[in-house]
Amino acid sequence: MGHWPKDKMLRHGPDLPMEERIRRYQHNVRAIREAGCKVPTPAMVDSLDPAEIELWFADGAFTIQRLDNAIKLQANAPEDLDQDS
C-alpha cells in the first residue's frame, strides 16, 4: 500500500465550474491510483468518467440539501413534542 498523495490533491469545490471540478477530480483519482492507494469508495466515486463524476457531485449536493432541510425543520420544531400537555 502506498502513501496518500495529499500534496498532489486538488480542491474541487462547488465554487468552480463543473468542467473544472471534473478535471480536478479526475486528477485526484489518478494521483491516488499512481500512489498505490485505493480510492476510498465510501467517500468518492472510483471513476474517471465525467458523467459518473458529475452524477456523484449532484448526489452529494442533493444529500447536503436534504440534511440542511432536516436540520432547519428540527431547529424550528417545538421542544415538547413528546409530552402531552
PDB file of N, CA and C in Angstrom:
ATOM      1  N   MET A   1       0.843  -1.183   0.000  1.00  0.00           N
ATOM      2  CA  MET A   1       0.000   0.000   0.000  1.00  0.00           C
ATOM      3  C   MET A   1       0.885   1.242   0.000  1.00  0.00           C
ATOM      4  N   GLY A   2       0.552   2.202  -0.818  1.00  0.00           N
ATOM      5  CA  GLY A   2       1.340   3.417  -0.944  1.00  0.00           C
ATOM      6  C   GLY A   2       1.002   4.457   0.103  1.00  0.00           C
ATOM      7  N   HIS A   3       1.551   5.629  -0.073  1.00  0.00           N
ATOM      8  CA  HIS A   3       1.280   6.755   0.818  1.00  0.00           C
ATOM      9  C   HIS A   3       0.286   7.700   0.147  1.00  0.00           C
ATOM     10  N   TRP A   4      -0.681   8.149   0.917  1.00  0.00           N
ATOM     11  CA  TRP A   4      -1.719   9.044   0.410  1.00  0.00           C
ATOM     12  C   TRP A   4      -1.077  10.315  -0.144  1.00  0.00           C
ATOM     13  N   PRO A   5      -1.386  10.696  -1.394  1.00  0.00           N
ATOM     14  CA  PRO A   5      -0.721  11.839  -2.050  1.00  0.00           C
ATOM     15  C   PRO A   5      -1.367  13.185  -1.747  1.00  0.00           C
ATOM     16  N   LYS A   6      -1.508  13.527  -0.474  1.00  0.00           N
ATOM     17  CA  LYS A   6      -2.231  14.748  -0.119  1.00  0.00           C
ATOM     18  C   LYS A   6      -1.601  16.006  -0.708  1.00  0.00           C
ATOM     19  N   ASP A   7      -0.305  15.986  -0.964  1.00  0.00           N
ATOM     20  CA  ASP A   7       0.350  17.156  -1.547  1.00  0.00           C
ATOM     21  C   ASP A   7       0.029  17.321  -3.041  1.00  0.00           C
ATOM     22  N   LYS A   8      -0.535  16.284  -3.656  1.00  0.00           N
ATOM     23  CA  LYS A   8      -0.883  16.352  -5.083  1.00  0.00           C
ATOM     24  C   LYS A   8      -2.378  16.526  -5.317  1.00  0.00           C
ATOM     25  N   MET A   9      -3.156  16.505  -4.254  1.00  0.00           N
ATOM     26  CA  MET A   9      -4.610  16.588  -4.395  1.00  0.00           C
ATOM     27  C   MET A   9      -5.051  18.028  -4.684  1.00  0.00           C
ATOM     28  N   LEU A  10      -6.022  18.159  -5.560  1.00  0.00           N
ATOM     29  CA  LEU A  10      -6.564  19.469  -5.928  1.00  0.00           C
ATOM     30  C   LEU A  10      -7.964  19.628  -5.352  1.00  0.00           C
ATOM     31  N   ARG A  11      -8.288  20.829  -4.936  1.00  0.00           N
ATOM     32  CA  ARG A  11      -9.642  21.115  -4.452  1.00  0.00           C
ATOM     33  C   ARG A  11     -10.594  21.135  -5.649  1.00  0.00           C
ATOM     34  N   HIS A  12     -11.812  20.656  -5.415  1.00  0.00           N
ATOM     35  CA  HIS A  12     -12.800  20.601  -6.498  1.00  0.00           C
ATOM     36  C   HIS A  12     -14.172  21.027  -5.984  1.00  0.00           C
ATOM     37  N   GLY A  13     -14.187  22.151  -5.281  1.00  0.00           N
ATOM     38  CA  GLY A  13     -15.403  22.630  -4.631  1.00  0.00           C
ATOM     39  C   GLY A  13     -16.436  23.197  -5.574  1.00  0.00           C
ATOM     40  N   PRO A  14     -17.629  23.435  -5.038  1.00  0.00           N
ATOM     41  CA  PRO A  14     -18.757  23.911  -5.836  1.00  0.00           C
ATOM     42  C   PRO A  14     -18.593  25.318  -6.381  1.00  0.00           C
ATOM     43  N   ASP A  15     -17.571  26.031  -5.937  1.00  0.00           N
ATOM     44  CA  ASP A  15     -17.337  27.379  -6.450  1.00  0.00           C
ATOM     45  C   ASP A  15     -16.719  27.363  -7.849  1.00  0.00           C
ATOM     46  N   LEU A  16     -16.264  26.209  -8.287  1.00  0.00           N
ATOM     47  CA  LEU A  16     -15.650  26.078  -9.615  1.00  0.00           C
ATOM     48  C   LEU A  16     -16.690  25.643 -10.651  1.00  0.00           C
ATOM     49  N   PRO A  17     -16.455  25.968 -11.927  1.00  0.00           N
ATOM     50  CA  PRO A  17     -17.338  25.454 -12.986  1.00  0.00           C
ATOM     51  C   PRO A  17     -17.253  23.917 -13.023  1.00  0.00           C
ATOM     52  N   MET A  18     -18.338  23.267 -13.394  1.00  0.00           N
ATOM     53  CA  MET A  18     -18.409  21.808 -13.371  1.00  0.00           C
ATOM     54  C   MET A  18     -17.283  21.169 -14.181  1.00  0.00           C
ATOM     55  N   GLU A  19     -16.962  21.721 -15.325  1.00  0.00           N
ATOM     56  CA  GLU A  19     -15.894  21.148 -16.157  1.00  0.00           C
ATOM     57  C   GLU A  19     -14.565  21.116 -15.401  1.00  0.00           C
ATOM     58  N   GLU A  20     -14.267  22.189 -14.682  1.00  0.00           N
ATOM     59  CA  GLU A  20     -13.026  22.252 -13.902  1.00  0.00           C
ATOM     60  C   GLU A  20     -13.089  21.322 -12.697  1.00  0.00           C
ATOM     61  N   ARG A  21     -14.246  21.225 -12.056  1.00  0.00           N
ATOM     62  CA  ARG A  21     -14.394  20.300 -10.923  1.00  0.00           C
ATOM     63  C   ARG A  21     -14.126  18.865 -11.374  1.00  0.00           C
ATOM     64  N   ILE A  22     -14.668  18.495 -12.528  1.00  0.00           N
ATOM     65  CA  ILE A  22     -14.477  17.140 -13.053  1.00  0.00           C
ATOM     66  C   ILE A  22     -13.013  16.907 -13.385  1.00  0.00           C
ATOM     67  N   ARG A  23     -12.365  17.882 -14.028  1.00  0.00           N
ATOM     68  CA  ARG A  23     -10.954  17.739 -14.379  1.00  0.00           C
ATOM     69  C   ARG A  23     -10.100  17.539 -13.134  1.00  0.00           C
ATOM     70  N   ARG A  24     -10.360  18.310 -12.084  1.00  0.00           N
ATOM     71  CA  ARG A  24      -9.592  18.194 -10.847  1.00  0.00           C
ATOM     72  C   ARG A  24      -9.882  16.864 -10.143  1.00  0.00           C
ATOM     73  N   TYR A  25     -11.120  16.438 -10.189  1.00  0.00           N
ATOM     74  CA  TYR A  25     -11.479  15.159  -9.570  1.00  0.00           C
ATOM     75  C   TYR A  25     -10.758  14.020 -10.278  1.00  0.00           C
ATOM     76  N   GLN A  26     -10.747  14.059 -11.610  1.00  0.00           N
ATOM     77  CA  GLN A  26     -10.023  13.037 -12.372  1.00  0.00           C
ATOM     78  C   GLN A  26      -8.535  13.047 -12.005  1.00  0.00           C
ATOM     79  N   HIS A  27      -7.952  14.231 -11.873  1.00  0.00           N
ATOM     80  CA  HIS A  27      -6.554  14.354 -11.464  1.00  0.00           C
ATOM     81  C   HIS A  27      -6.341  13.671 -10.108  1.00  0.00           C
ATOM     82  N   ASN A  28      -7.253  13.913  -9.165  1.00  0.00           N
ATOM     83  CA  ASN A  28      -7.122  13.330  -7.832  1.00  0.00           C
ATOM     84  C   ASN A  28      -7.211  11.807  -7.870  1.00  0.00           C
ATOM     85  N   VAL A  29      -8.134  11.270  -8.653  1.00  0.00           N
ATOM     86  CA  VAL A  29      -8.269   9.815  -8.768  1.00  0.00           C
ATOM     87  C   VAL A  29      -6.985   9.227  -9.353  1.00  0.00           C
ATOM     88  N   ARG A  30      -6.455   9.854 -10.378  1.00  0.00           N
ATOM     89  CA  ARG A  30      -5.198   9.375 -10.976  1.00  0.00           C
ATOM     90  C   ARG A  30      -4.049   9.438  -9.970  1.00  0.00           C
ATOM     91  N   ALA A  31      -3.956  10.528  -9.220  1.00  0.00           N
ATOM     92  CA  ALA A  31      -2.885  10.686  -8.232  1.00  0.00           C
ATOM     93  C   ALA A  31      -2.988   9.618  -7.142  1.00  0.00           C
ATOM     94  N   ILE A  32      -4.199   9.326  -6.707  1.00  0.00           N
ATOM     95  CA  ILE A  32      -4.403   8.285  -5.685  1.00  0.00           C
ATOM     96  C   ILE A  32      -3.957   6.933  -6.222  1.00  0.00           C
ATOM     97  N   ARG A  33      -4.383   6.617  -7.432  1.00  0.00           N
ATOM     98  CA  ARG A  33      -4.013   5.336  -8.039  1.00  0.00           C
ATOM     99  C   ARG A  33      -2.499   5.236  -8.250  1.00  0.00           C
ATOM    100  N   GLU A  34      -1.888   6.304  -8.772  1.00  0.00           N
ATOM    101  CA  GLU A  34      -0.447   6.296  -9.022  1.00  0.00           C
ATOM    102  C   GLU A  34       0.368   6.156  -7.737  1.00  0.00           C
ATOM    103  N   ALA A  35      -0.184   6.605  -6.617  1.00  0.00           N
ATOM    104  CA  ALA A  35       0.498   6.491  -5.330  1.00  0.00           C
ATOM    105  C   ALA A  35       0.369   5.074  -4.756  1.00  0.00           C
ATOM    106  N   GLY A  36      -0.390   4.239  -5.447  1.00  0.00           N
ATOM    107  CA  GLY A  36      -0.560   2.873  -4.978  1.00  0.00           C
ATOM    108  C   GLY A  36      -1.631   2.719  -3.928  1.00  0.00           C
ATOM    109  N   CYS A  37      -2.501   3.701  -3.819  1.00  0.00           N
ATOM    110  CA  CYS A  37      -3.594   3.661  -2.848  1.00  0.00           C
ATOM    111  C   CYS A  37      -4.906   3.335  -3.560  1.00  0.00           C
ATOM    112  N   LYS A  38      -5.871   2.912  -2.781  1.00  0.00           N
ATOM    113  CA  LYS A  38      -7.207   2.691  -3.315  1.00  0.00           C
ATOM    114  C   LYS A  38      -8.021   3.961  -3.122  1.00  0.00           C
ATOM    115  N   VAL A  39      -8.868   4.248  -4.096  1.00  0.00           N
ATOM    116  CA  VAL A  39      -9.785   5.374  -3.970  1.00  0.00           C
ATOM    117  C   VAL A  39     -10.804   4.985  -2.906  1.00  0.00           C
ATOM    118  N   PRO A  40     -10.995   5.834  -1.880  1.00  0.00           N
ATOM    119  CA  PRO A  40     -11.916   5.477  -0.799  1.00  0.00           C
ATOM    120  C   PRO A  40     -13.374   5.578  -1.255  1.00  0.00           C
ATOM    121  N   THR A  41     -13.894   4.474  -1.767  1.00  0.00           N
ATOM    122  CA  THR A  41     -15.223   4.497  -2.390  1.00  0.00           C
ATOM    123  C   THR A  41     -16.369   4.901  -1.473  1.00  0.00           C
ATOM    124  N   PRO A  42     -16.299   4.744  -0.159  1.00  0.00           N
ATOM    125  CA  PRO A  42     -17.401   5.306   0.633  1.00  0.00           C
ATOM    126  C   PRO A  42     -17.460   6.839   0.543  1.00  0.00           C
ATOM    127  N   ALA A  43     -16.306   7.464   0.271  1.00  0.00           N
ATOM    128  CA  ALA A  43     -16.245   8.921   0.222  1.00  0.00           C
ATOM    129  C   ALA A  43     -16.178   9.476  -1.200  1.00  0.00           C
ATOM    130  N   MET A  44     -15.709   8.673  -2.133  1.00  0.00           N
ATOM    131  CA  MET A  44     -15.504   9.131  -3.509  1.00  0.00           C
ATOM    132  C   MET A  44     -15.995   8.066  -4.481  1.00  0.00           C
ATOM    133  N   VAL A  45     -16.255   8.479  -5.701  1.00  0.00           N
ATOM    134  CA  VAL A  45     -16.559   7.522  -6.760  1.00  0.00           C
ATOM    135  C   VAL A  45     -15.238   7.198  -7.457  1.00  0.00           C
ATOM    136  N   ASP A  46     -14.952   5.913  -7.630  1.00  0.00           N
ATOM    137  CA  ASP A  46     -13.688   5.482  -8.250  1.00  0.00           C
ATOM    138  C   ASP A  46     -13.887   5.394  -9.756  1.00  0.00           C
ATOM    139  N   SER A  47     -13.882   6.556 -10.396  1.00  0.00           N
ATOM    140  CA  SER A  47     -14.149   6.615 -11.829  1.00  0.00           C
ATOM    141  C   SER A  47     -13.463   7.828 -12.441  1.00  0.00           C
ATOM    142  N   LEU A  48     -13.151   7.706 -13.723  1.00  0.00           N
ATOM    143  CA  LEU A  48     -12.660   8.844 -14.495  1.00  0.00           C
ATOM    144  C   LEU A  48     -13.708   9.325 -15.489  1.00  0.00           C
ATOM    145  N   ASP A  49     -14.860   8.667 -15.526  1.00  0.00           N
ATOM    146  CA  ASP A  49     -15.943   9.006 -16.439  1.00  0.00           C
ATOM    147  C   ASP A  49     -16.600  10.327 -16.014  1.00  0.00           C
ATOM    148  N   PRO A  50     -16.544  11.362 -16.855  1.00  0.00           N
ATOM    149  CA  PRO A  50     -17.109  12.664 -16.490  1.00  0.00           C
ATOM    150  C   PRO A  50     -18.583  12.602 -16.084  1.00  0.00           C
ATOM    151  N   ALA A  51     -19.376  11.799 -16.765  1.00  0.00           N
ATOM    152  CA  ALA A  51     -20.804  11.715 -16.432  1.00  0.00           C
ATOM    153  C   ALA A  51     -21.001  11.114 -15.046  1.00  0.00           C
ATOM    154  N   GLU A  52     -20.231  10.100 -14.720  1.00  0.00           N
ATOM    155  CA  GLU A  52     -20.341   9.462 -13.406  1.00  0.00           C
ATOM    156  C   GLU A  52     -19.875  10.408 -12.296  1.00  0.00           C
ATOM    157  N   ILE A  53     -18.825  11.166 -12.570  1.00  0.00           N
ATOM    158  CA  ILE A  53     -18.325  12.132 -11.588  1.00  0.00           C
ATOM    159  C   ILE A  53     -19.349  13.241 -11.374  1.00  0.00           C
ATOM    160  N   GLU A  54     -19.930  13.747 -12.451  1.00  0.00           N
ATOM    161  CA  GLU A  54     -20.942  14.804 -12.328  1.00  0.00           C
ATOM    162  C   GLU A  54     -22.143  14.303 -11.540  1.00  0.00           C
ATOM    163  N   LEU A  55     -22.548  13.063 -11.773  1.00  0.00           N
ATOM    164  CA  LEU A  55     -23.656  12.470 -11.021  1.00  0.00           C
ATOM    165  C   LEU A  55     -23.283  12.367  -9.537  1.00  0.00           C
ATOM    166  N   TRP A  56     -22.034  12.018  -9.231  1.00  0.00           N
ATOM    167  CA  TRP A  56     -21.578  11.929  -7.846  1.00  0.00           C
ATOM    168  C   TRP A  56     -21.646  13.307  -7.182  1.00  0.00           C
ATOM    169  N   PHE A  57     -21.220  14.365  -7.907  1.00  0.00           N
ATOM    170  CA  PHE A  57     -21.327  15.726  -7.369  1.00  0.00           C
ATOM    171  C   PHE A  57     -22.795  16.086  -7.119  1.00  0.00           C
ATOM    172  N   ALA A  58     -23.668  15.771  -8.066  1.00  0.00           N
ATOM    173  CA  ALA A  58     -25.090  16.094  -7.922  1.00  0.00           C
ATOM    174  C   ALA A  58     -25.701  15.340  -6.739  1.00  0.00           C
ATOM    175  N   ASP A  59     -25.344  14.086  -6.580  1.00  0.00           N
ATOM    176  CA  ASP A  59     -25.858  13.299  -5.467  1.00  0.00           C
ATOM    177  C   ASP A  59     -25.401  13.887  -4.137  1.00  0.00           C
ATOM    178  N   GLY A  60     -24.146  14.310  -4.074  1.00  0.00           N
ATOM    179  CA  GLY A  60     -23.636  14.936  -2.855  1.00  0.00           C
ATOM    180  C   GLY A  60     -24.360  16.238  -2.544  1.00  0.00           C
ATOM    181  N   ALA A  61     -24.628  17.033  -3.560  1.00  0.00           N
ATOM    182  CA  ALA A  61     -25.346  18.297  -3.367  1.00  0.00           C
ATOM    183  C   ALA A  61     -26.768  18.031  -2.886  1.00  0.00           C
ATOM    184  N   PHE A  62     -27.418  17.002  -3.433  1.00  0.00           N
ATOM    185  CA  PHE A  62     -28.772  16.646  -3.014  1.00  0.00           C
ATOM    186  C   PHE A  62     -28.783  16.191  -1.556  1.00  0.00           C
ATOM    187  N   THR A  63     -27.796  15.401  -1.171  1.00  0.00           N
ATOM    188  CA  THR A  63     -27.702  14.936   0.217  1.00  0.00           C
ATOM    189  C   THR A  63     -27.507  16.109   1.171  1.00  0.00           C
ATOM    190  N   ILE A  64     -26.652  17.041   0.805  1.00  0.00           N
ATOM    191  CA  ILE A  64     -26.426  18.223   1.638  1.00  0.00           C
ATOM    192  C   ILE A  64     -27.710  19.028   1.775  1.00  0.00           C
ATOM    193  N   GLN A  65     -28.448  19.188   0.684  1.00  0.00           N
ATOM    194  CA  GLN A  65     -29.707  19.934   0.730  1.00  0.00           C
ATOM    195  C   GLN A  65     -30.719  19.241   1.641  1.00  0.00           C
ATOM    196  N   ARG A  66     -30.828  17.917   1.534  1.00  0.00           N
ATOM    197  CA  ARG A  66     -31.752  17.163   2.397  1.00  0.00           C
ATOM    198  C   ARG A  66     -31.378  17.316   3.866  1.00  0.00           C
ATOM    199  N   LEU A  67     -30.086  17.233   4.170  1.00  0.00           N
ATOM    200  CA  LEU A  67     -29.646  17.397   5.553  1.00  0.00           C
ATOM    201  C   LEU A  67     -29.916  18.812   6.060  1.00  0.00           C
ATOM    202  N   ASP A  68     -29.647  19.810   5.245  1.00  0.00           N
ATOM    203  CA  ASP A  68     -29.929  21.190   5.631  1.00  0.00           C
ATOM    204  C   ASP A  68     -31.411  21.378   5.932  1.00  0.00           C
ATOM    205  N   ASN A  69     -32.275  20.830   5.083  1.00  0.00           N
ATOM    206  CA  ASN A  69     -33.716  20.938   5.307  1.00  0.00           C
ATOM    207  C   ASN A  69     -34.133  20.240   6.591  1.00  0.00           C
ATOM    208  N   ALA A  70     -33.581  19.059   6.847  1.00  0.00           N
ATOM    209  CA  ALA A  70     -33.921  18.326   8.070  1.00  0.00           C
ATOM    210  C   ALA A  70     -33.462  19.093   9.307  1.00  0.00           C
ATOM    211  N   ILE A  71     -32.283  19.690   9.246  1.00  0.00           N
ATOM    212  CA  ILE A  71     -31.771  20.466  10.378  1.00  0.00           C
ATOM    213  C   ILE A  71     -32.655  21.681  10.623  1.00  0.00           C
ATOM    214  N   LYS A  72     -33.073  22.356   9.557  1.00  0.00           N
ATOM    215  CA  LYS A  72     -33.950  23.526   9.714  1.00  0.00           C
ATOM    216  C   LYS A  72     -35.289  23.126  10.317  1.00  0.00           C
ATOM    217  N   LEU A  73     -35.857  22.006   9.865  1.00  0.00           N
ATOM    218  CA  LEU A  73     -37.121  21.529  10.428  1.00  0.00           C
ATOM    219  C   LEU A  73     -36.956  21.200  11.910  1.00  0.00           C
ATOM    220  N   GLN A  74     -35.877  20.539  12.248  1.00  0.00           N
ATOM    221  CA  GLN A  74     -35.628  20.176  13.648  1.00  0.00           C
ATOM    222  C   GLN A  74     -35.423  21.422  14.506  1.00  0.00           C
ATOM    223  N   ALA A  75     -34.716  22.406  13.980  1.00  0.00           N
ATOM    224  CA  ALA A  75     -34.446  23.631  14.727  1.00  0.00           C
ATOM    225  C   ALA A  75     -35.725  24.422  14.992  1.00  0.00           C
ATOM    226  N   ASN A  76     -36.700  24.301  14.099  1.00  0.00           N
ATOM    227  CA  ASN A  76     -37.947  25.050  14.247  1.00  0.00           C
ATOM    228  C   ASN A  76     -39.051  24.246  14.930  1.00  0.00           C
ATOM    229  N   ALA A  77     -38.774  23.000  15.296  1.00  0.00           N
ATOM    230  CA  ALA A  77     -39.776  22.143  15.935  1.00  0.00           C
ATOM    231  C   ALA A  77     -39.970  22.582  17.382  1.00  0.00           C
ATOM    232  N   PRO A  78     -41.205  22.454  17.874  1.00  0.00           N
ATOM    233  CA  PRO A  78     -41.448  22.748  19.304  1.00  0.00           C
ATOM    234  C   PRO A  78     -40.640  21.798  20.179  1.00  0.00           C
ATOM    235  N   GLU A  79     -40.194  22.280  21.340  1.00  0.00           N
ATOM    236  CA  GLU A  79     -39.356  21.463  22.210  1.00  0.00           C
ATOM    237  C   GLU A  79     -40.116  20.318  22.874  1.00  0.00           C
ATOM    238  N   ASP A  80     -41.407  20.476  23.147  1.00  0.00           N
ATOM    239  CA  ASP A  80     -42.173  19.492  23.918  1.00  0.00           C
ATOM    240  C   ASP A  80     -43.031  18.605  23.021  1.00  0.00           C
ATOM    241  N   LEU A  81     -42.484  18.069  21.936  1.00  0.00           N
ATOM    242  CA  LEU A  81     -43.273  17.225  21.050  1.00  0.00           C
ATOM    243  C   LEU A  81     -43.665  15.904  21.710  1.00  0.00           C
ATOM    244  N   ASP A  82     -42.854  15.379  22.632  1.00  0.00           N
ATOM    245  CA  ASP A  82     -43.119  14.080  23.228  1.00  0.00           C
ATOM    246  C   ASP A  82     -43.993  14.157  24.474  1.00  0.00           C
ATOM    247  N   GLN A  83     -44.277  15.313  24.959  1.00  0.00           N
ATOM    248  CA  GLN A  83     -45.066  15.445  26.195  1.00  0.00           C
ATOM    249  C   GLN A  83     -46.500  15.829  25.876  1.00  0.00           C
ATOM    250  N   ASP A  84     -47.425  15.205  26.589  1.00  0.00           N
ATOM    251  CA  ASP A  84     -48.837  15.570  26.456  1.00  0.00           C
ATOM    252  C   ASP A  84     -49.122  16.714  27.420  1.00  0.00           C
ATOM    253  N   SER A  85     -49.703  17.781  26.924  1.00  0.00           N
ATOM    254  CA  SER A  85     -49.984  18.933  27.783  1.00  0.00           C
ATOM    255  C   SER A  85     -51.442  19.060  28.064  1.00  0.00           C
TER     256      SER A  85
END
